[in-house]
């Protein structure tokens, strides 16, 4: 038995169901613990350093993006520029892909 699609332009998933609208599924998740911005910055530095070491990212682009994020997240004001640069230098210092 073939059932007729009432809305021929409607999007359907592989299973035939209509996907739910994104707006109806927005949730605000309450963090269960505080996020340390310095730890996040260190992790970002390490990730960018690995991308640089593997040839997927240019050094100047990586450092510029990290510097911009340090400024935007208040880390330069909190730690000082020298400490921010030291964190970046440590991350890029000995990476190998």
PDB file of N, CA and C in Angstrom:
ATOM      1  N   UNK A   1       0.841  -1.167   0.000  1.00  0.00           N
ATOM      2  CA  UNK A   1       0.000   0.000   0.000  1.00  0.00           C
ATOM      3  C   UNK A   1       0.891   1.237   0.000  1.00  0.00           C
ATOM      4  N   UNK A   2       0.618   2.117  -0.902  1.00  0.00           N
ATOM      5  CA  UNK A   2       1.377   3.346  -1.051  1.00  0.00           C
ATOM      6  C   UNK A   2       0.572   4.480  -0.442  1.00  0.00           C
ATOM      7  N   UNK A   3       1.190   5.158   0.562  1.00  0.00           N
ATOM      8  CA  UNK A   3       0.447   6.294   1.106  1.00  0.00           C
ATOM      9  C   UNK A   3       1.002   7.573   0.520  1.00  0.00           C
ATOM     10  N   UNK A   4       0.113   8.459   0.260  1.00  0.00           N
ATOM     11  CA  UNK A   4       0.443   9.689  -0.436  1.00  0.00           C
ATOM     12  C   UNK A   4       1.012  10.711   0.535  1.00  0.00           C
ATOM     13  N   UNK A   5       2.102  11.374   0.123  1.00  0.00           N
ATOM     14  CA  UNK A   5       2.724  12.411   0.922  1.00  0.00           C
ATOM     15  C   UNK A   5       1.866  13.671   0.826  1.00  0.00           C
ATOM     16  N   UNK A   6       1.375  14.134   1.953  1.00  0.00           N
ATOM     17  CA  UNK A   6       0.505  15.306   1.957  1.00  0.00           C
ATOM     18  C   UNK A   6       1.263  16.593   1.634  1.00  0.00           C
ATOM     19  N   UNK A   7       2.525  16.605   1.926  1.00  0.00           N
ATOM     20  CA  UNK A   7       3.344  17.772   1.653  1.00  0.00           C
ATOM     21  C   UNK A   7       4.570  17.301   0.881  1.00  0.00           C
ATOM     22  N   UNK A   8       4.512  17.326  -0.439  1.00  0.00           N
ATOM     23  CA  UNK A   8       5.598  16.770  -1.231  1.00  0.00           C
ATOM     24  C   UNK A   8       6.936  17.463  -1.016  1.00  0.00           C
ATOM     25  N   UNK A   9       6.956  18.686  -0.525  1.00  0.00           N
ATOM     26  CA  UNK A   9       8.207  19.403  -0.282  1.00  0.00           C
ATOM     27  C   UNK A   9       8.761  19.185   1.104  1.00  0.00           C
ATOM     28  N   UNK A  10       8.073  18.409   1.936  1.00  0.00           N
ATOM     29  CA  UNK A  10       8.496  18.208   3.317  1.00  0.00           C
ATOM     30  C   UNK A  10       9.759  17.358   3.375  1.00  0.00           C
ATOM     31  N   UNK A  11      10.643  17.741   4.254  1.00  0.00           N
ATOM     32  CA  UNK A  11      11.879  16.992   4.451  1.00  0.00           C
ATOM     33  C   UNK A  11      11.589  15.803   5.344  1.00  0.00           C
ATOM     34  N   UNK A  12      12.178  14.679   5.014  1.00  0.00           N
ATOM     35  CA  UNK A  12      11.997  13.465   5.813  1.00  0.00           C
ATOM     36  C   UNK A  12      13.358  12.829   6.062  1.00  0.00           C
ATOM     37  N   UNK A  13      13.477  12.145   7.183  1.00  0.00           N
ATOM     38  CA  UNK A  13      14.709  11.426   7.471  1.00  0.00           C
ATOM     39  C   UNK A  13      14.701  10.110   6.717  1.00  0.00           C
ATOM     40  N   UNK A  14      15.791   9.360   6.808  1.00  0.00           N
ATOM     41  CA  UNK A  14      15.895   8.074   6.115  1.00  0.00           C
ATOM     42  C   UNK A  14      14.796   7.116   6.563  1.00  0.00           C
ATOM     43  N   UNK A  15      14.368   7.217   7.806  1.00  0.00           N
ATOM     44  CA  UNK A  15      13.321   6.352   8.323  1.00  0.00           C
ATOM     45  C   UNK A  15      11.933   6.844   7.939  1.00  0.00           C
ATOM     46  N   UNK A  16      11.844   7.989   7.293  1.00  0.00           N
ATOM     47  CA  UNK A  16      10.563   8.522   6.852  1.00  0.00           C
ATOM     48  C   UNK A  16       9.944   9.521   7.801  1.00  0.00           C
ATOM     49  N   UNK A  17      10.531   9.679   8.976  1.00  0.00           N
ATOM     50  CA  UNK A  17       9.972  10.625   9.945  1.00  0.00           C
ATOM     51  C   UNK A  17      10.450  12.034   9.626  1.00  0.00           C
ATOM     52  N   UNK A  18       9.666  12.986   9.993  1.00  0.00           N
ATOM     53  CA  UNK A  18      10.079  14.375   9.811  1.00  0.00           C
ATOM     54  C   UNK A  18      11.058  14.738  10.921  1.00  0.00           C
ATOM     55  N   UNK A  19      12.152  15.433  10.578  1.00  0.00           N
ATOM     56  CA  UNK A  19      13.081  15.857  11.627  1.00  0.00           C
ATOM     57  C   UNK A  19      12.434  16.939  12.480  1.00  0.00           C
ATOM     58  N   UNK A  20      12.762  16.928  13.753  1.00  0.00           N
ATOM     59  CA  UNK A  20      12.213  17.947  14.654  1.00  0.00           C
ATOM     60  C   UNK A  20      12.921  19.267  14.408  1.00  0.00           C
ATOM     61  N   UNK A  21      12.196  20.323  14.646  1.00  0.00           N
ATOM     62  CA  UNK A  21      12.778  21.649  14.443  1.00  0.00           C
ATOM     63  C   UNK A  21      13.782  21.930  15.548  1.00  0.00           C
ATOM     64  N   UNK A  22      14.893  22.549  15.154  1.00  0.00           N
ATOM     65  CA  UNK A  22      15.951  22.838  16.108  1.00  0.00           C
ATOM     66  C   UNK A  22      15.485  23.772  17.220  1.00  0.00           C
ATOM     67  N   UNK A  23      14.672  24.746  16.878  1.00  0.00           N
ATOM     68  CA  UNK A  23      14.251  25.738  17.864  1.00  0.00           C
ATOM     69  C   UNK A  23      13.498  25.101  19.018  1.00  0.00           C
ATOM     70  N   UNK A  24      12.801  24.016  18.777  1.00  0.00           N
ATOM     71  CA  UNK A  24      12.041  23.383  19.852  1.00  0.00           C
ATOM     72  C   UNK A  24      12.919  22.553  20.773  1.00  0.00           C
ATOM     73  N   UNK A  25      14.192  22.355  20.395  1.00  0.00           N
ATOM     74  CA  UNK A  25      15.057  21.504  21.198  1.00  0.00           C
ATOM     75  C   UNK A  25      16.219  22.253  21.829  1.00  0.00           C
ATOM     76  N   UNK A  26      16.152  23.544  21.828  1.00  0.00           N
ATOM     77  CA  UNK A  26      17.214  24.301  22.481  1.00  0.00           C
ATOM     78  C   UNK A  26      17.060  24.166  23.985  1.00  0.00           C
ATOM     79  N   UNK A  27      18.163  23.835  24.610  1.00  0.00           N
ATOM     80  CA  UNK A  27      18.161  23.714  26.058  1.00  0.00           C
ATOM     81  C   UNK A  27      19.336  24.494  26.614  1.00  0.00           C
ATOM     82  N   UNK A  28      19.145  24.997  27.786  1.00  0.00           N
ATOM     83  CA  UNK A  28      20.248  25.611  28.493  1.00  0.00           C
ATOM     84  C   UNK A  28      20.720  24.598  29.521  1.00  0.00           C
ATOM     85  N   UNK A  29      21.935  24.131  29.334  1.00  0.00           N
ATOM     86  CA  UNK A  29      22.477  23.150  30.243  1.00  0.00           C
ATOM     87  C   UNK A  29      23.191  23.859  31.380  1.00  0.00           C
ATOM     88  N   UNK A  30      22.834  23.510  32.577  1.00  0.00           N
ATOM     89  CA  UNK A  30      23.494  24.085  33.737  1.00  0.00           C
ATOM     90  C   UNK A  30      24.811  23.351  33.949  1.00  0.00           C
ATOM     91  N   UNK A  31      25.912  24.093  34.020  1.00  0.00           N
ATOM     92  CA  UNK A  31      27.186  23.412  34.238  1.00  0.00           C
ATOM     93  C   UNK A  31      27.210  22.758  35.615  1.00  0.00           C
ATOM     94  N   UNK A  32      27.773  21.576  35.656  1.00  0.00           N
ATOM     95  CA  UNK A  32      27.849  20.868  36.934  1.00  0.00           C
ATOM     96  C   UNK A  32      29.075  21.282  37.713  1.00  0.00           C
ATOM     97  N   UNK A  33      30.045  21.881  37.031  1.00  0.00           N
ATOM     98  CA  UNK A  33      31.221  22.389  37.712  1.00  0.00           C
ATOM     99  C   UNK A  33      31.740  23.605  36.966  1.00  0.00           C
ATOM    100  N   UNK A  34      32.476  24.423  37.675  1.00  0.00           N
ATOM    101  CA  UNK A  34      33.025  25.625  37.059  1.00  0.00           C
ATOM    102  C   UNK A  34      34.114  25.244  36.056  1.00  0.00           C
ATOM    103  N   UNK A  35      34.206  26.007  35.001  1.00  0.00           N
ATOM    104  CA  UNK A  35      35.215  25.779  33.974  1.00  0.00           C
ATOM    105  C   UNK A  35      36.358  26.755  34.216  1.00  0.00           C
ATOM    106  N   UNK A  36      37.562  26.230  34.298  1.00  0.00           N
ATOM    107  CA  UNK A  36      38.747  27.054  34.511  1.00  0.00           C
ATOM    108  C   UNK A  36      39.213  27.604  33.163  1.00  0.00           C
ATOM    109  N   UNK A  37      39.117  28.920  32.946  1.00  0.00           N
ATOM    110  CA  UNK A  37      39.492  29.481  31.649  1.00  0.00           C
ATOM    111  C   UNK A  37      40.972  29.264  31.307  1.00  0.00           C
ATOM    112  N   UNK A  38      41.833  29.187  32.305  1.00  0.00           N
ATOM    113  CA  UNK A  38      43.253  28.934  32.038  1.00  0.00           C
ATOM    114  C   UNK A  38      43.440  27.512  31.517  1.00  0.00           C
ATOM    115  N   UNK A  39      42.754  26.560  32.133  1.00  0.00           N
ATOM    116  CA  UNK A  39      42.838  25.163  31.679  1.00  0.00           C
ATOM    117  C   UNK A  39      42.295  25.019  30.264  1.00  0.00           C
ATOM    118  N   UNK A  40      41.229  25.736  29.958  1.00  0.00           N
ATOM    119  CA  UNK A  40      40.664  25.706  28.605  1.00  0.00           C
ATOM    120  C   UNK A  40      41.664  26.299  27.614  1.00  0.00           C
ATOM    121  N   UNK A  41      42.311  27.397  27.994  1.00  0.00           N
ATOM    122  CA  UNK A  41      43.294  28.025  27.121  1.00  0.00           C
ATOM    123  C   UNK A  41      44.485  27.101  26.884  1.00  0.00           C
ATOM    124  N   UNK A  42      44.950  26.440  27.918  1.00  0.00           N
ATOM    125  CA  UNK A  42      46.065  25.495  27.772  1.00  0.00           C
ATOM    126  C   UNK A  42      45.673  24.373  26.816  1.00  0.00           C
ATOM    127  N   UNK A  43      44.470  23.852  26.967  1.00  0.00           N
ATOM    128  CA  UNK A  43      44.001  22.783  26.074  1.00  0.00           C
ATOM    129  C   UNK A  43      43.912  23.273  24.633  1.00  0.00           C
ATOM    130  N   UNK A  44      43.446  24.493  24.436  1.00  0.00           N
ATOM    131  CA  UNK A  44      43.377  25.055  23.082  1.00  0.00           C
ATOM    132  C   UNK A  44      44.773  25.225  22.493  1.00  0.00           C
ATOM    133  N   UNK A  45      45.716  25.670  23.324  1.00  0.00           N
ATOM    134  CA  UNK A  45      47.101  25.822  22.862  1.00  0.00           C
ATOM    135  C   UNK A  45      47.675  24.477  22.439  1.00  0.00           C
ATOM    136  N   UNK A  46      47.449  23.454  23.242  1.00  0.00           N
ATOM    137  CA  UNK A  46      47.957  22.123  22.921  1.00  0.00           C
ATOM    138  C   UNK A  46      47.339  21.585  21.635  1.00  0.00           C
ATOM    139  N   UNK A  47      46.049  21.820  21.452  1.00  0.00           N
ATOM    140  CA  UNK A  47      45.374  21.356  20.236  1.00  0.00           C
ATOM    141  C   UNK A  47      45.915  22.085  19.002  1.00  0.00           C
ATOM    142  N   UNK A  48      46.065  23.396  19.102  1.00  0.00           N
ATOM    143  CA  UNK A  48      46.601  24.166  17.974  1.00  0.00           C
ATOM    144  C   UNK A  48      48.047  23.751  17.678  1.00  0.00           C
ATOM    145  N   UNK A  49      48.812  23.460  18.717  1.00  0.00           N
ATOM    146  CA  UNK A  49      50.199  23.035  18.527  1.00  0.00           C
ATOM    147  C   UNK A  49      50.257  21.715  17.763  1.00  0.00           C
ATOM    148  N   UNK A  50      49.370  20.797  18.078  1.00  0.00           N
ATOM    149  CA  UNK A  50      49.326  19.523  17.349  1.00  0.00           C
ATOM    150  C   UNK A  50      48.930  19.735  15.892  1.00  0.00           C
ATOM    151  N   UNK A  51      47.974  20.598  15.655  1.00  0.00           N
ATOM    152  CA  UNK A  51      47.580  20.902  14.274  1.00  0.00           C
ATOM    153  C   UNK A  51      48.732  21.525  13.502  1.00  0.00           C
ATOM    154  N   UNK A  52      49.484  22.396  14.161  1.00  0.00           N
ATOM    155  CA  UNK A  52      50.652  23.000  13.529  1.00  0.00           C
ATOM    156  C   UNK A  52      51.712  21.934  13.230  1.00  0.00           C
ATOM    157  N   UNK A  53      51.986  21.070  14.187  1.00  0.00           N
ATOM    158  CA  UNK A  53      53.023  20.044  14.023  1.00  0.00           C
ATOM    159  C   UNK A  53      52.697  19.084  12.887  1.00  0.00           C
ATOM    160  N   UNK A  54      51.414  18.846  12.664  1.00  0.00           N
ATOM    161  CA  UNK A  54      50.991  17.938  11.590  1.00  0.00           C
ATOM    162  C   UNK A  54      50.833  18.643  10.249  1.00  0.00           C
ATOM    163  N   UNK A  55      51.084  19.947  10.218  1.00  0.00           N
ATOM    164  CA  UNK A  55      51.002  20.689   8.973  1.00  0.00           C
ATOM    165  C   UNK A  55      49.607  21.140   8.596  1.00  0.00           C
ATOM    166  N   UNK A  56      48.667  21.023   9.515  1.00  0.00           N
ATOM    167  CA  UNK A  56      47.287  21.404   9.221  1.00  0.00           C
ATOM    168  C   UNK A  56      46.997  22.867   9.528  1.00  0.00           C
ATOM    169  N   UNK A  57      47.942  23.555  10.183  1.00  0.00           N
ATOM    170  CA  UNK A  57      47.712  24.941  10.587  1.00  0.00           C
ATOM    171  C   UNK A  57      49.038  25.690  10.543  1.00  0.00           C
ATOM    172  N   UNK A  58      49.005  26.892  10.037  1.00  0.00           N
ATOM    173  CA  UNK A  58      50.167  27.763   9.983  1.00  0.00           C
ATOM    174  C   UNK A  58      50.457  28.303  11.385  1.00  0.00           C
ATOM    175  N   UNK A  59      51.728  28.392  11.743  1.00  0.00           N
ATOM    176  CA  UNK A  59      52.118  28.844  13.075  1.00  0.00           C
ATOM    177  C   UNK A  59      51.562  30.227  13.392  1.00  0.00           C
ATOM    178  N   UNK A  60      51.718  31.173  12.476  1.00  0.00           N
ATOM    179  CA  UNK A  60      51.240  32.533  12.746  1.00  0.00           C
ATOM    180  C   UNK A  60      49.732  32.579  12.921  1.00  0.00           C
ATOM    181  N   UNK A  61      48.999  31.810  12.118  1.00  0.00           N
ATOM    182  CA  UNK A  61      47.541  31.763  12.274  1.00  0.00           C
ATOM    183  C   UNK A  61      47.169  31.184  13.629  1.00  0.00           C
ATOM    184  N   UNK A  62      47.842  30.112  14.029  1.00  0.00           N
ATOM    185  CA  UNK A  62      47.546  29.467  15.308  1.00  0.00           C
ATOM    186  C   UNK A  62      47.778  30.424  16.470  1.00  0.00           C
ATOM    187  N   UNK A  63      48.934  31.075  16.463  1.00  0.00           N
ATOM    188  CA  UNK A  63      49.283  31.983  17.556  1.00  0.00           C
ATOM    189  C   UNK A  63      48.374  33.206  17.562  1.00  0.00           C
ATOM    190  N   UNK A  64      48.045  33.736  16.391  1.00  0.00           N
ATOM    191  CA  UNK A  64      47.129  34.886  16.325  1.00  0.00           C
ATOM    192  C   UNK A  64      45.763  34.533  16.899  1.00  0.00           C
ATOM    193  N   UNK A  65      45.248  33.349  16.552  1.00  0.00           N
ATOM    194  CA  UNK A  65      43.941  32.921  17.071  1.00  0.00           C
ATOM    195  C   UNK A  65      43.991  32.742  18.588  1.00  0.00           C
ATOM    196  N   UNK A  66      45.072  32.149  19.078  1.00  0.00           N
ATOM    197  CA  UNK A  66      45.204  31.947  20.526  1.00  0.00           C
ATOM    198  C   UNK A  66      45.333  33.278  21.262  1.00  0.00           C
ATOM    199  N   UNK A  67      46.101  34.197  20.705  1.00  0.00           N
ATOM    200  CA  UNK A  67      46.252  35.512  21.331  1.00  0.00           C
ATOM    201  C   UNK A  67      44.914  36.241  21.382  1.00  0.00           C
ATOM    202  N   UNK A  68      44.174  36.180  20.293  1.00  0.00           N
ATOM    203  CA  UNK A  68      42.862  36.835  20.256  1.00  0.00           C
ATOM    204  C   UNK A  68      41.917  36.231  21.292  1.00  0.00           C
ATOM    205  N   UNK A  69      41.959  34.916  21.445  1.00  0.00           N
ATOM    206  CA  UNK A  69      41.080  34.289  22.433  1.00  0.00           C
ATOM    207  C   UNK A  69      41.520  34.628  23.853  1.00  0.00           C
ATOM    208  N   UNK A  70      42.836  34.750  24.082  1.00  0.00           N
ATOM    209  CA  UNK A  70      43.329  35.131  25.409  1.00  0.00           C
ATOM    210  C   UNK A  70      42.878  36.539  25.779  1.00  0.00           C
ATOM    211  N   UNK A  71      42.898  37.430  24.807  1.00  0.00           N
ATOM    212  CA  UNK A  71      42.438  38.803  25.046  1.00  0.00           C
ATOM    213  C   UNK A  71      40.927  38.807  25.279  1.00  0.00           C
ATOM    214  N   UNK A  72      40.179  38.118  24.411  1.00  0.00           N
ATOM    215  CA  UNK A  72      38.711  38.113  24.498  1.00  0.00           C
ATOM    216  C   UNK A  72      38.207  37.493  25.796  1.00  0.00           C
ATOM    217  N   UNK A  73      38.939  36.512  26.310  1.00  0.00           N
ATOM    218  CA  UNK A  73      38.504  35.837  27.539  1.00  0.00           C
ATOM    219  C   UNK A  73      39.117  36.420  28.803  1.00  0.00           C
ATOM    220  N   UNK A  74      39.810  37.533  28.669  1.00  0.00           N
ATOM    221  CA  UNK A  74      40.351  38.232  29.835  1.00  0.00           C
ATOM    222  C   UNK A  74      41.607  37.622  30.426  1.00  0.00           C
ATOM    223  N   UNK A  75      42.225  36.681  29.732  1.00  0.00           N
ATOM    224  CA  UNK A  75      43.412  36.037  30.294  1.00  0.00           C
ATOM    225  C   UNK A  75      44.634  36.949  30.275  1.00  0.00           C
ATOM    226  N   UNK A  76      44.742  37.808  29.282  1.00  0.00           N
ATOM    227  CA  UNK A  76      45.870  38.739  29.245  1.00  0.00           C
ATOM    228  C   UNK A  76      45.776  39.687  30.436  1.00  0.00           C
ATOM    229  N   UNK A  77      44.581  40.159  30.738  1.00  0.00           N
ATOM    230  CA  UNK A  77      44.391  41.023  31.895  1.00  0.00           C
ATOM    231  C   UNK A  77      44.609  40.302  33.210  1.00  0.00           C
ATOM    232  N   UNK A  78      44.196  39.044  33.270  1.00  0.00           N
ATOM    233  CA  UNK A  78      44.304  38.272  34.511  1.00  0.00           C
ATOM    234  C   UNK A  78      45.724  37.757  34.759  1.00  0.00           C
ATOM    235  N   UNK A  79      46.351  37.201  33.714  1.00  0.00           N
ATOM    236  CA  UNK A  79      47.664  36.576  33.868  1.00  0.00           C
ATOM    237  C   UNK A  79      48.824  37.466  33.456  1.00  0.00           C
ATOM    238  N   UNK A  80      48.548  38.375  32.529  1.00  0.00           N
ATOM    239  CA  UNK A  80      49.598  39.191  31.935  1.00  0.00           C
ATOM    240  C   UNK A  80      50.054  38.578  30.624  1.00  0.00           C
ATOM    241  N   UNK A  81      50.527  39.431  29.722  1.00  0.00           N
ATOM    242  CA  UNK A  81      50.935  38.986  28.398  1.00  0.00           C
ATOM    243  C   UNK A  81      52.088  37.992  28.449  1.00  0.00           C
ATOM    244  N   UNK A  82      53.043  38.207  29.350  1.00  0.00           N
ATOM    245  CA  UNK A  82      54.193  37.300  29.438  1.00  0.00           C
ATOM    246  C   UNK A  82      53.757  35.879  29.778  1.00  0.00           C
ATOM    247  N   UNK A  83      52.841  35.738  30.707  1.00  0.00           N
ATOM    248  CA  UNK A  83      52.373  34.400  31.103  1.00  0.00           C
ATOM    249  C   UNK A  83      51.574  33.743  29.977  1.00  0.00           C
ATOM    250  N   UNK A  84      50.755  34.509  29.271  1.00  0.00           N
ATOM    251  CA  UNK A  84      50.001  33.975  28.127  1.00  0.00           C
ATOM    252  C   UNK A  84      50.969  33.459  27.071  1.00  0.00           C
ATOM    253  N   UNK A  85      52.012  34.238  26.784  1.00  0.00           N
ATOM    254  CA  UNK A  85      53.004  33.797  25.799  1.00  0.00           C
ATOM    255  C   UNK A  85      53.759  32.571  26.275  1.00  0.00           C
ATOM    256  N   UNK A  86      54.022  32.473  27.552  1.00  0.00           N
ATOM    257  CA  UNK A  86      54.711  31.310  28.100  1.00  0.00           C
ATOM    258  C   UNK A  86      53.865  30.044  27.945  1.00  0.00           C
ATOM    259  N   UNK A  87      52.565  30.153  28.171  1.00  0.00           N
ATOM    260  CA  UNK A  87      51.660  29.014  27.993  1.00  0.00           C
ATOM    261  C   UNK A  87      51.687  28.553  26.530  1.00  0.00           C
ATOM    262  N   UNK A  88      51.630  29.516  25.602  1.00  0.00           N
ATOM    263  CA  UNK A  88      51.691  29.166  24.186  1.00  0.00           C
ATOM    264  C   UNK A  88      53.029  28.532  23.834  1.00  0.00           C
ATOM    265  N   UNK A  89      54.118  29.098  24.345  1.00  0.00           N
ATOM    266  CA  UNK A  89      55.462  28.570  24.041  1.00  0.00           C
ATOM    267  C   UNK A  89      55.613  27.143  24.559  1.00  0.00           C
ATOM    268  N   UNK A  90      55.110  26.871  25.739  1.00  0.00           N
ATOM    269  CA  UNK A  90      55.192  25.517  26.285  1.00  0.00           C
ATOM    270  C   UNK A  90      54.429  24.528  25.431  1.00  0.00           C
ATOM    271  N   UNK A  91      53.261  24.932  24.938  1.00  0.00           N
ATOM    272  CA  UNK A  91      52.449  24.035  24.122  1.00  0.00           C
ATOM    273  C   UNK A  91      53.128  23.732  22.785  1.00  0.00           C
ATOM    274  N   UNK A  92      53.733  24.747  22.188  1.00  0.00           N
ATOM    275  CA  UNK A  92      54.343  24.571  20.871  1.00  0.00           C
ATOM    276  C   UNK A  92      55.773  24.058  20.949  1.00  0.00           C
ATOM    277  N   UNK A  93      56.353  24.102  22.152  1.00  0.00           N
ATOM    278  CA  UNK A  93      57.757  23.778  22.319  1.00  0.00           C
ATOM    279  C   UNK A  93      58.209  22.413  21.860  1.00  0.00           C
ATOM    280  N   UNK A  94      57.489  21.378  22.208  1.00  0.00           N
ATOM    281  CA  UNK A  94      57.983  20.044  21.892  1.00  0.00           C
ATOM    282  C   UNK A  94      56.979  19.159  21.187  1.00  0.00           C
ATOM    283  N   UNK A  95      56.098  19.729  20.412  1.00  0.00           N
ATOM    284  CA  UNK A  95      55.090  18.898  19.740  1.00  0.00           C
ATOM    285  C   UNK A  95      55.677  18.147  18.562  1.00  0.00           C
ATOM    286  N   UNK A  96      55.199  16.950  18.417  1.00  0.00           N
ATOM    287  CA  UNK A  96      55.546  16.107  17.266  1.00  0.00           C
ATOM    288  C   UNK A  96      54.288  15.388  16.839  1.00  0.00           C
ATOM    289  N   UNK A  97      54.122  15.265  15.545  1.00  0.00           N
ATOM    290  CA  UNK A  97      52.925  14.605  15.025  1.00  0.00           C
ATOM    291  C   UNK A  97      53.205  13.132  14.784  1.00  0.00           C
TER     292      UNK A  97
END
